[in-house]
Amino acid sequence: MATRLSDTSREALGLTPDDLLAMYRTMLTARLVDEAAFRLNRQGKAPFVVPVSGHEGCQIGTAWALERGRDVWLPYYRDLGVVLVAGMTPYEVFLGLFAKADDPASGGRQMPAHWSSRRLGIISGSSPIGTQIPHAAGIAYAVKYRGEDGVVATWFGEGATSEGDWHEGLNFAGIHRLPVIFVCENNRYAISVEQSKQMAVANVADRAPAYGFPGVVVDGNDVLACFAAMKEAVARARSGEGPTLIECKTYRFQPHTSDDDDRTYRSREEVEEARLHDPVSLFAAFLTGQGLARDEEIAAMAEEVKADLNVAIDKAWNAADPDPATLTQHVFHEDS
């Protein structure tokens, strides 16, 4: 049974009040970066946007249980919240959105939201769905083979579980009891295809025992429940007990991407009902209800984050574009 915000003991989770406020600030940052990116898209400044709104609880909650500089992160294109926890800054996110030369993912050569950072241990993803999953298993095999003290985590939507890559990655991880965690952010739609047309089971996590390891279903709108599930999975992986599949039931409030028209496959009433379970609002209510923040402090934090993002956007927009002379670097063989 998923732990709920209303009955979660932060002490039992090992979280201080400062931790909780930092988690909320990261969730809020992800939401406001997302909203800013959509505005920039409509202004013609950002050609392509992959929204995160609605996924902040499961992303920040699961990512928060990992350790920077020790663990390896393999996000998918919607995982803005994950990479923020890993240490990527909004400025770096906007550099990628504007395809600037200093974009840490690719120097402006990749599509936006194809996250990568050697410095932070974020492994580059690819547009084909699910390819990061066997990569995660392979990296976890290397970690185990070398005797390193690290955990590998990868995130994906439920649509990725229809791909052969998903089966191959989980099967390999189960056979070798690898230190890897598979996090499914189930928002019910693989672009426009609803879950019932993708699988004949109620939960993606029900498949985990077939690969020889546990599957856990958690409320993806509850950041602390997601953290609790991930913390346990990380402990299992570090102690040599093998993988875990965590399924976070969530919802995306925006279309699949800025090029998608979600009105063709889901009603406005369904989206509005889902917004009643907004993970950012739920966590804010939890913080105020627990006496960890006042309403005016929550509002002030939002204004502060917005001001910081405006600075980051302006700085990224005015950053240098890639030099056209470097167009073929890392594409064709270069003589050393």
Protein backbone atom coordinates (compact mmCIF):
# COMPACT_ATOMS: atom_id res chain seq x y z
CA MET A 1 0.00 0.00 0.00
CA ALA A 2 1.42 3.39 -0.95
CA THR A 3 2.48 5.72 1.82
CA ARG A 4 0.37 8.88 1.78
CA LEU A 5 1.41 12.44 2.50
CA SER A 6 -1.21 12.54 5.23
CA ASP A 7 0.31 9.67 7.20
CA THR A 8 3.97 9.73 6.24
CA SER A 9 6.54 10.20 9.01
CA ARG A 10 9.33 12.33 7.61
CA GLU A 11 11.52 11.20 10.50
CA ALA A 12 11.05 7.56 9.47
CA LEU A 13 12.12 8.50 5.95
CA GLY A 14 15.21 10.26 7.25
CA LEU A 15 14.09 13.64 5.91
CA THR A 16 14.60 16.91 7.77
CA PRO A 17 12.36 19.98 7.40
CA ASP A 18 15.08 21.51 5.22
CA ASP A 19 15.02 18.41 3.01
CA LEU A 20 11.27 18.72 2.54
CA LEU A 21 11.47 22.41 1.68
CA ALA A 22 14.28 21.69 -0.80
CA MET A 23 12.18 18.95 -2.39
CA TYR A 24 9.27 21.33 -2.74
CA ARG A 25 11.46 24.05 -4.22
CA THR A 26 12.75 21.57 -6.82
CA MET A 27 9.20 20.49 -7.69
CA LEU A 28 8.19 24.13 -8.00
CA THR A 29 11.22 24.88 -10.16
CA ALA A 30 10.36 22.02 -12.49
CA ARG A 31 6.78 23.30 -12.83
CA LEU A 32 7.82 26.90 -13.49
CA VAL A 33 10.55 25.90 -15.96
CA ASP A 34 7.91 23.87 -17.78
CA GLU A 35 5.48 26.77 -17.93
CA ALA A 36 8.22 29.13 -19.11
CA ALA A 37 9.29 26.67 -21.82
CA PHE A 38 5.75 26.51 -23.18
CA ARG A 39 5.56 30.30 -23.30
CA LEU A 40 8.88 30.41 -25.16
CA ASN A 41 7.56 27.82 -27.59
CA ARG A 42 4.47 29.90 -28.32
CA GLN A 43 6.71 32.96 -28.78
CA GLY A 44 8.72 31.10 -31.42
CA LYS A 45 11.89 31.00 -29.32
CA ALA A 46 11.79 27.30 -28.40
CA PRO A 47 10.97 25.01 -31.32
CA PHE A 48 10.10 21.90 -29.31
CA VAL A 49 9.07 21.32 -25.69
CA VAL A 50 8.42 18.13 -23.72
CA PRO A 51 6.25 19.05 -20.70
CA VAL A 52 6.72 17.74 -17.18
CA SER A 53 3.71 19.24 -15.37
CA GLY A 54 1.97 16.53 -13.36
CA HIS A 55 5.06 14.31 -13.09
CA GLU A 56 6.95 16.37 -10.51
CA GLY A 57 6.00 14.19 -7.54
CA CYS A 58 7.26 10.92 -8.96
CA GLN A 59 10.36 12.47 -10.53
CA ILE A 60 11.63 14.43 -7.54
CA GLY A 61 10.53 11.75 -5.08
CA THR A 62 12.38 8.89 -6.78
CA ALA A 63 15.44 10.90 -7.78
CA TRP A 64 15.87 12.32 -4.28
CA ALA A 65 16.84 8.88 -2.92
CA LEU A 66 19.93 8.69 -5.13
CA GLU A 67 23.33 10.22 -4.37
CA ARG A 68 25.02 12.76 -6.61
CA GLY A 69 28.53 11.78 -7.64
CA ARG A 70 27.95 8.16 -6.68
CA ASP A 71 24.98 6.91 -8.66
CA VAL A 72 24.16 6.90 -12.38
CA TRP A 73 21.06 8.51 -13.88
CA LEU A 74 19.36 7.48 -17.14
CA PRO A 75 16.33 9.75 -17.55
CA TYR A 76 13.91 9.95 -20.45
CA TYR A 77 12.86 13.08 -22.28
CA ARG A 78 10.13 14.11 -19.79
CA ASP A 79 12.46 13.90 -16.79
CA LEU A 80 13.15 17.56 -16.09
CA GLY A 81 12.60 16.98 -12.37
CA VAL A 82 15.07 14.10 -12.31
CA VAL A 83 17.90 16.07 -13.90
CA LEU A 84 17.29 19.03 -11.59
CA VAL A 85 17.77 16.71 -8.62
CA ALA A 86 20.90 15.27 -10.27
CA GLY A 87 22.36 18.78 -10.30
CA MET A 88 21.48 20.30 -13.67
CA THR A 89 20.52 23.97 -13.42
CA PRO A 90 17.61 25.76 -15.10
CA TYR A 91 20.19 27.82 -17.01
CA GLU A 92 21.64 24.61 -18.49
CA VAL A 93 18.12 23.42 -19.32
CA PHE A 94 17.42 26.63 -21.24
CA LEU A 95 20.79 26.40 -23.04
CA GLY A 96 19.57 23.08 -24.41
CA LEU A 97 16.14 24.47 -25.23
CA PHE A 98 17.74 27.25 -27.30
CA ALA A 99 20.41 24.92 -28.83
CA LYS A 100 23.30 27.03 -27.57
CA ALA A 101 27.00 26.19 -27.79
CA ASP A 102 27.33 25.67 -24.03
CA ASP A 103 24.40 23.24 -23.83
CA PRO A 104 25.88 20.51 -21.58
CA ALA A 105 23.98 17.72 -23.31
CA SER A 106 25.33 18.16 -26.82
CA GLY A 107 26.52 21.69 -27.51
CA GLY A 108 23.26 22.42 -29.31
CA ARG A 109 23.35 19.29 -31.49
CA GLN A 110 20.59 17.30 -29.79
CA MET A 111 16.86 17.82 -29.51
CA PRO A 112 15.77 19.57 -26.31
CA ALA A 113 15.21 17.32 -23.28
CA HIS A 114 17.74 14.71 -24.42
CA TRP A 115 19.61 15.06 -21.15
CA SER A 116 23.29 14.31 -20.74
CA SER A 117 26.09 15.38 -18.40
CA ARG A 118 29.39 13.59 -17.88
CA ARG A 119 30.01 15.78 -14.83
CA LEU A 120 26.73 14.73 -13.17
CA GLY A 121 26.63 11.10 -14.30
CA ILE A 122 23.57 11.63 -16.51
CA ILE A 123 23.68 9.27 -19.48
CA SER A 124 22.41 10.55 -22.82
CA GLY A 125 19.06 9.26 -23.98
CA SER A 126 17.78 8.85 -27.51
CA SER A 127 14.53 9.61 -29.28
CA PRO A 128 13.61 5.96 -29.94
CA ILE A 129 11.50 4.87 -26.98
CA GLY A 130 13.03 2.64 -24.32
CA THR A 131 16.65 2.50 -25.52
CA GLN A 132 17.93 3.77 -22.15
CA ILE A 133 16.64 0.65 -20.38
CA PRO A 134 19.14 -1.93 -21.71
CA HIS A 135 21.81 0.77 -21.35
CA ALA A 136 20.95 0.99 -17.65
CA ALA A 137 21.23 -2.77 -17.27
CA GLY A 138 24.58 -2.78 -19.06
CA ILE A 139 25.97 0.01 -16.90
CA ALA A 140 24.73 -1.76 -13.77
CA TYR A 141 26.50 -4.92 -14.96
CA ALA A 142 29.73 -2.93 -15.26
CA VAL A 143 29.22 -1.47 -11.77
CA LYS A 144 28.78 -4.96 -10.32
CA TYR A 145 31.64 -6.46 -12.35
CA ARG A 146 34.05 -3.77 -11.17
CA GLY A 147 32.91 -4.00 -7.58
CA GLU A 148 31.91 -0.34 -7.51
CA ASP A 149 29.60 1.09 -4.87
CA GLY A 150 26.94 2.63 -7.05
CA VAL A 151 23.32 2.28 -8.08
CA VAL A 152 21.91 2.84 -11.56
CA ALA A 153 18.40 4.20 -12.09
CA THR A 154 16.40 4.69 -15.24
CA TRP A 155 13.02 6.31 -15.83
CA PHE A 156 10.47 5.80 -18.62
CA GLY A 157 6.80 6.05 -19.46
CA GLU A 158 4.47 3.06 -19.57
CA GLY A 159 4.58 3.21 -23.36
CA ALA A 160 8.23 2.12 -23.22
CA THR A 161 7.16 -1.16 -21.63
CA SER A 162 5.69 -2.17 -25.01
CA GLU A 163 9.19 -2.14 -26.51
CA GLY A 164 11.51 -5.12 -26.76
CA ASP A 165 14.29 -3.04 -25.20
CA TRP A 166 12.30 -2.96 -21.97
CA HIS A 167 11.99 -6.74 -21.79
CA GLU A 168 15.65 -7.27 -22.63
CA GLY A 169 16.85 -4.79 -20.01
CA LEU A 170 14.70 -6.17 -17.20
CA ASN A 171 15.41 -9.77 -18.11
CA PHE A 172 19.19 -9.22 -18.11
CA ALA A 173 19.02 -7.28 -14.84
CA GLY A 174 17.03 -10.01 -13.15
CA ILE A 175 19.32 -12.81 -14.29
CA HIS A 176 22.43 -11.06 -12.97
CA ARG A 177 20.82 -9.43 -9.89
CA LEU A 178 22.10 -6.05 -10.96
CA PRO A 179 22.08 -2.84 -8.87
CA VAL A 180 19.54 -1.10 -11.08
CA ILE A 181 16.13 0.46 -10.43
CA PHE A 182 13.50 0.78 -13.15
CA VAL A 183 11.03 3.64 -12.59
CA CYS A 184 7.88 3.69 -14.72
CA GLU A 185 6.06 7.03 -14.76
CA ASN A 186 2.66 5.73 -15.82
CA ASN A 187 0.58 8.66 -17.06
CA ARG A 188 -1.93 6.37 -18.81
CA TYR A 189 -1.12 7.46 -22.38
CA ALA A 190 1.71 6.41 -24.69
CA ILE A 191 1.24 9.65 -26.57
CA SER A 192 -2.38 9.00 -27.60
CA VAL A 193 -2.68 5.27 -26.88
CA GLU A 194 -4.25 4.52 -23.50
CA GLN A 195 -2.94 1.79 -21.23
CA SER A 196 -5.74 -0.70 -21.91
CA LYS A 197 -4.60 -0.87 -25.54
CA GLN A 198 -0.97 -1.46 -24.54
CA MET A 199 -1.25 -4.23 -21.95
CA ALA A 200 -3.77 -6.68 -20.52
CA VAL A 201 -2.70 -6.15 -16.90
CA ALA A 202 -3.71 -3.41 -14.50
CA ASN A 203 -0.19 -2.57 -13.40
CA VAL A 204 3.16 -2.49 -15.16
CA ALA A 205 4.72 -3.55 -11.85
CA ASP A 206 2.79 -6.85 -12.00
CA ARG A 207 5.31 -7.99 -14.61
CA ALA A 208 8.36 -7.68 -12.35
CA PRO A 209 8.12 -11.14 -10.69
CA ALA A 210 8.43 -12.72 -14.13
CA TYR A 211 11.94 -11.24 -14.25
CA GLY A 212 12.77 -12.40 -10.76
CA PHE A 213 12.53 -9.22 -8.70
CA PRO A 214 9.91 -7.10 -6.89
CA GLY A 215 7.45 -4.71 -8.48
CA VAL A 216 5.97 -1.84 -6.48
CA VAL A 217 2.98 0.38 -7.30
CA VAL A 218 2.98 3.85 -5.77
CA ASP A 219 0.91 7.03 -5.97
CA GLY A 220 2.99 9.16 -8.33
CA ASN A 221 1.36 12.35 -7.06
CA ASP A 222 2.71 11.70 -3.56
CA VAL A 223 6.35 12.77 -3.51
CA LEU A 224 7.04 11.15 -0.14
CA ALA A 225 5.50 7.82 -1.14
CA CYS A 226 7.71 7.85 -4.24
CA PHE A 227 10.74 8.66 -2.11
CA ALA A 228 9.92 5.86 0.34
CA ALA A 229 9.61 3.28 -2.45
CA MET A 230 12.83 4.44 -4.09
CA LYS A 231 14.75 4.55 -0.81
CA GLU A 232 13.90 0.91 -0.20
CA ALA A 233 14.84 -0.02 -3.77
CA VAL A 234 18.18 1.78 -3.46
CA ALA A 235 18.92 -0.09 -0.22
CA ARG A 236 18.15 -3.40 -1.95
CA ALA A 237 20.39 -2.55 -4.88
CA ARG A 238 23.30 -1.40 -2.70
CA SER A 239 23.17 -4.55 -0.58
CA GLY A 240 23.37 -6.83 -3.62
CA GLU A 241 19.73 -7.94 -3.62
CA GLY A 242 19.17 -6.86 -7.21
CA PRO A 243 16.70 -4.72 -9.18
CA THR A 244 13.30 -3.25 -8.37
CA LEU A 245 10.56 -2.05 -10.71
CA ILE A 246 8.67 0.96 -9.32
CA GLU A 247 5.48 2.05 -11.06
CA CYS A 248 4.37 5.58 -10.22
CA LYS A 249 0.75 6.23 -11.18
CA THR A 250 0.68 9.81 -12.40
CA TYR A 251 -0.76 12.06 -15.12
CA ARG A 252 0.56 14.70 -17.49
CA PHE A 253 -1.45 17.89 -17.55
CA GLN A 254 -0.13 19.11 -20.90
CA PRO A 255 -0.02 17.43 -24.32
CA HIS A 256 2.66 14.81 -24.96
CA THR A 257 4.84 17.51 -26.55
CA SER A 258 4.32 21.01 -27.88
CA ASP A 259 3.48 19.40 -31.25
CA ASP A 260 0.71 17.17 -29.86
CA ASP A 261 -3.02 17.92 -29.72
CA ASP A 262 -4.26 15.91 -26.75
CA ARG A 263 -7.87 16.97 -27.36
CA THR A 264 -8.07 14.20 -29.95
CA TYR A 265 -7.75 11.42 -27.36
CA ARG A 266 -8.77 12.73 -23.92
CA SER A 267 -11.48 15.04 -22.66
CA ARG A 268 -10.94 18.41 -20.98
CA GLU A 269 -12.99 17.10 -18.06
CA GLU A 270 -10.51 14.27 -17.54
CA VAL A 271 -7.57 16.66 -17.50
CA GLU A 272 -9.27 19.04 -15.09
CA GLU A 273 -10.16 16.19 -12.75
CA ALA A 274 -6.51 15.09 -12.76
CA ARG A 275 -5.44 18.62 -11.81
CA LEU A 276 -7.29 18.16 -8.52
CA HIS A 277 -4.43 15.80 -7.61
CA ASP A 278 -1.62 18.17 -8.59
CA PRO A 279 1.53 16.90 -6.82
CA VAL A 280 2.92 20.41 -6.35
CA SER A 281 -0.26 21.69 -4.70
CA LEU A 282 -0.59 18.55 -2.58
CA PHE A 283 2.94 18.90 -1.24
CA ALA A 284 2.49 22.60 -0.54
CA ALA A 285 -0.64 21.77 1.49
CA PHE A 286 1.30 19.10 3.36
CA LEU A 287 4.09 21.54 4.26
CA THR A 288 1.68 24.17 5.54
CA GLY A 289 -0.42 21.57 7.34
CA GLN A 290 2.68 20.25 9.12
CA GLY A 291 3.69 23.75 10.16
CA LEU A 292 6.87 23.59 8.06
CA ALA A 293 5.94 26.64 5.94
CA ARG A 294 3.33 29.36 5.92
CA ASP A 295 1.19 30.19 2.89
CA GLU A 296 3.02 33.48 2.42
CA GLU A 297 6.37 31.66 2.47
CA ILE A 298 5.17 29.28 -0.23
CA ALA A 299 4.04 32.25 -2.33
CA ALA A 300 7.33 34.08 -1.73
CA MET A 301 9.28 31.03 -2.82
CA ALA A 302 7.35 30.93 -6.10
CA GLU A 303 8.15 34.59 -6.79
CA GLU A 304 11.81 34.02 -5.98
CA VAL A 305 12.04 31.03 -8.32
CA LYS A 306 10.28 32.95 -11.10
CA ALA A 307 12.75 35.83 -10.75
CA ASP A 308 15.69 33.41 -10.89
CA LEU A 309 14.26 31.74 -13.99
CA ASN A 310 13.81 35.07 -15.78
CA VAL A 311 17.52 35.74 -15.25
CA ALA A 312 18.43 32.24 -16.46
CA ILE A 313 16.25 32.57 -19.58
CA ASP A 314 17.75 35.92 -20.56
CA LYS A 315 21.27 34.67 -19.96
CA ALA A 316 20.68 31.49 -21.99
CA TRP A 317 18.94 33.35 -24.84
CA ASN A 318 21.90 35.71 -25.15
CA ALA A 319 24.54 32.95 -24.89
CA ALA A 320 26.68 32.14 -27.92
CA ASP A 321 25.26 30.00 -30.69
CA PRO A 322 27.33 27.06 -31.93
CA ASP A 323 30.03 27.94 -34.47
CA PRO A 324 28.86 26.64 -37.88
CA ALA A 325 32.43 25.52 -38.52
CA THR A 326 31.97 22.86 -35.83
CA LEU A 327 28.89 21.35 -37.47
CA THR A 328 30.50 18.00 -38.30
CA GLN A 329 32.29 17.50 -34.98
CA HIS A 330 31.35 14.20 -33.33
CA VAL A 331 29.49 13.21 -36.51
CA PHE A 332 32.27 12.12 -38.86
CA HIS A 333 35.72 10.68 -38.17
CA GLU A 334 38.30 13.30 -37.36
CA ASP A 335 42.03 12.87 -37.77
CA SER A 336 43.81 13.28 -34.47
